[in-house]
Amino acid sequence: MNTKQITAAVILFAAAGAAMAEAPYPPETKFVSTKTRAEVISELQQAQAQGLIANGDNYPIVIQARSTRSREQVVSQSQSASDNSIYAGA
């Protein structure tokens, strides 16, 4: 009789575990878009034009700031600086 009770308990626990495994987690919710297909395509084209779309594993996208100095200004500044003011490595 003891074996029958253990077997019944194992079967009940297995059935309860199987029933719980069928419920999706997190609960699935239906996606409802607020934009039209044309709006999404135009946003994609704008992002591509601005260079915000990454290829492969190039994340995060860092946009380089434009320099306000001309090449001649940078060259003259580096030539006029003394050896102590420019970092030359370790």
Protein backbone atom coordinates (compact mmCIF):
# COMPACT_ATOMS: atom_id res chain seq x y z
CA MET A 1 0.00 0.00 0.00
CA ASN A 2 2.85 2.34 0.74
CA THR A 3 4.24 1.78 -2.78
CA LYS A 4 0.87 2.70 -4.31
CA GLN A 5 0.77 5.98 -2.39
CA ILE A 6 4.31 6.90 -3.44
CA THR A 7 3.55 6.05 -7.07
CA ALA A 8 0.36 8.11 -6.97
CA ALA A 9 2.22 11.07 -5.45
CA VAL A 10 4.95 10.92 -8.11
CA ILE A 11 2.34 10.82 -10.89
CA LEU A 12 0.47 13.81 -9.41
CA PHE A 13 3.67 15.85 -9.07
CA ALA A 14 4.66 15.01 -12.66
CA ALA A 15 1.23 16.03 -13.94
CA ALA A 16 1.32 19.30 -12.00
CA GLY A 17 4.80 20.11 -13.32
CA ALA A 18 3.73 19.37 -16.89
CA ALA A 19 0.67 21.61 -16.54
CA MET A 20 2.79 24.51 -15.25
CA ALA A 21 5.35 24.08 -18.02
CA GLU A 22 2.77 24.79 -20.70
CA ALA A 23 2.03 28.34 -19.55
CA PRO A 24 4.26 30.85 -21.40
CA TYR A 25 6.40 33.12 -19.27
CA PRO A 26 6.23 36.06 -19.55
CA PRO A 27 2.64 35.98 -20.71
CA GLU A 28 2.37 36.62 -24.42
CA THR A 29 0.71 39.88 -25.39
CA LYS A 30 -0.38 40.79 -28.89
CA PHE A 31 1.77 43.50 -30.50
CA VAL A 32 -0.13 46.44 -31.92
CA SER A 33 1.85 48.91 -33.99
CA THR A 34 1.11 52.62 -33.84
CA LYS A 35 3.05 53.45 -37.03
CA THR A 36 2.36 52.71 -40.64
CA ARG A 37 4.75 50.78 -42.85
CA ALA A 38 5.62 53.99 -44.74
CA GLU A 39 6.55 55.76 -41.48
CA VAL A 40 8.85 52.92 -40.45
CA ILE A 41 10.54 52.85 -43.85
CA SER A 42 11.09 56.64 -43.79
CA GLU A 43 12.62 56.42 -40.29
CA LEU A 44 14.92 53.65 -41.49
CA GLN A 45 16.05 55.71 -44.46
CA GLN A 46 16.74 58.73 -42.21
CA ALA A 47 18.79 56.58 -39.82
CA GLN A 48 20.78 55.11 -42.70
CA ALA A 49 21.47 58.60 -44.07
CA GLN A 50 22.72 59.74 -40.64
CA GLY A 51 24.93 56.65 -40.24
CA LEU A 52 23.05 55.29 -37.24
CA ILE A 53 22.53 51.77 -38.60
CA ALA A 54 25.18 49.31 -37.43
CA ASN A 55 26.57 46.43 -39.47
CA GLY A 56 27.50 43.25 -37.67
CA ASP A 57 28.89 43.75 -34.16
CA ASN A 58 29.70 47.47 -34.39
CA TYR A 59 27.81 48.57 -31.26
CA PRO A 60 27.46 51.16 -29.84
CA ILE A 61 27.50 53.62 -32.70
CA VAL A 62 29.69 56.60 -31.82
CA ILE A 63 29.41 59.67 -34.03
CA GLN A 64 32.67 61.60 -34.21
CA ALA A 65 32.43 65.32 -33.54
CA ARG A 66 33.61 67.62 -36.31
CA SER A 67 36.70 69.69 -35.59
CA THR A 68 36.43 73.45 -35.78
CA ARG A 69 40.12 73.86 -36.60
CA SER A 70 41.68 73.66 -40.03
CA ARG A 71 44.56 71.35 -40.86
CA GLU A 72 46.96 74.29 -40.98
CA GLN A 73 45.93 75.40 -37.48
CA VAL A 74 46.56 71.93 -36.06
CA VAL A 75 49.95 71.63 -37.77
CA SER A 76 51.09 75.07 -36.59
CA GLN A 77 49.95 74.34 -33.03
CA SER A 78 51.86 71.05 -32.91
CA GLN A 79 55.01 72.66 -34.35
CA SER A 80 54.94 75.60 -31.95
CA ALA A 81 54.41 73.45 -28.82
CA SER A 82 57.47 72.66 -26.73
CA ASP A 83 58.52 69.04 -26.07
CA ASN A 84 57.10 69.11 -22.51
CA SER A 85 53.57 70.03 -23.57
CA ILE A 86 52.96 67.17 -26.02
CA TYR A 87 52.42 63.68 -24.67
CA ALA A 88 54.82 61.36 -26.46
CA GLY A 89 53.93 58.01 -24.87
CA ALA A 90 54.97 56.11 -21.80
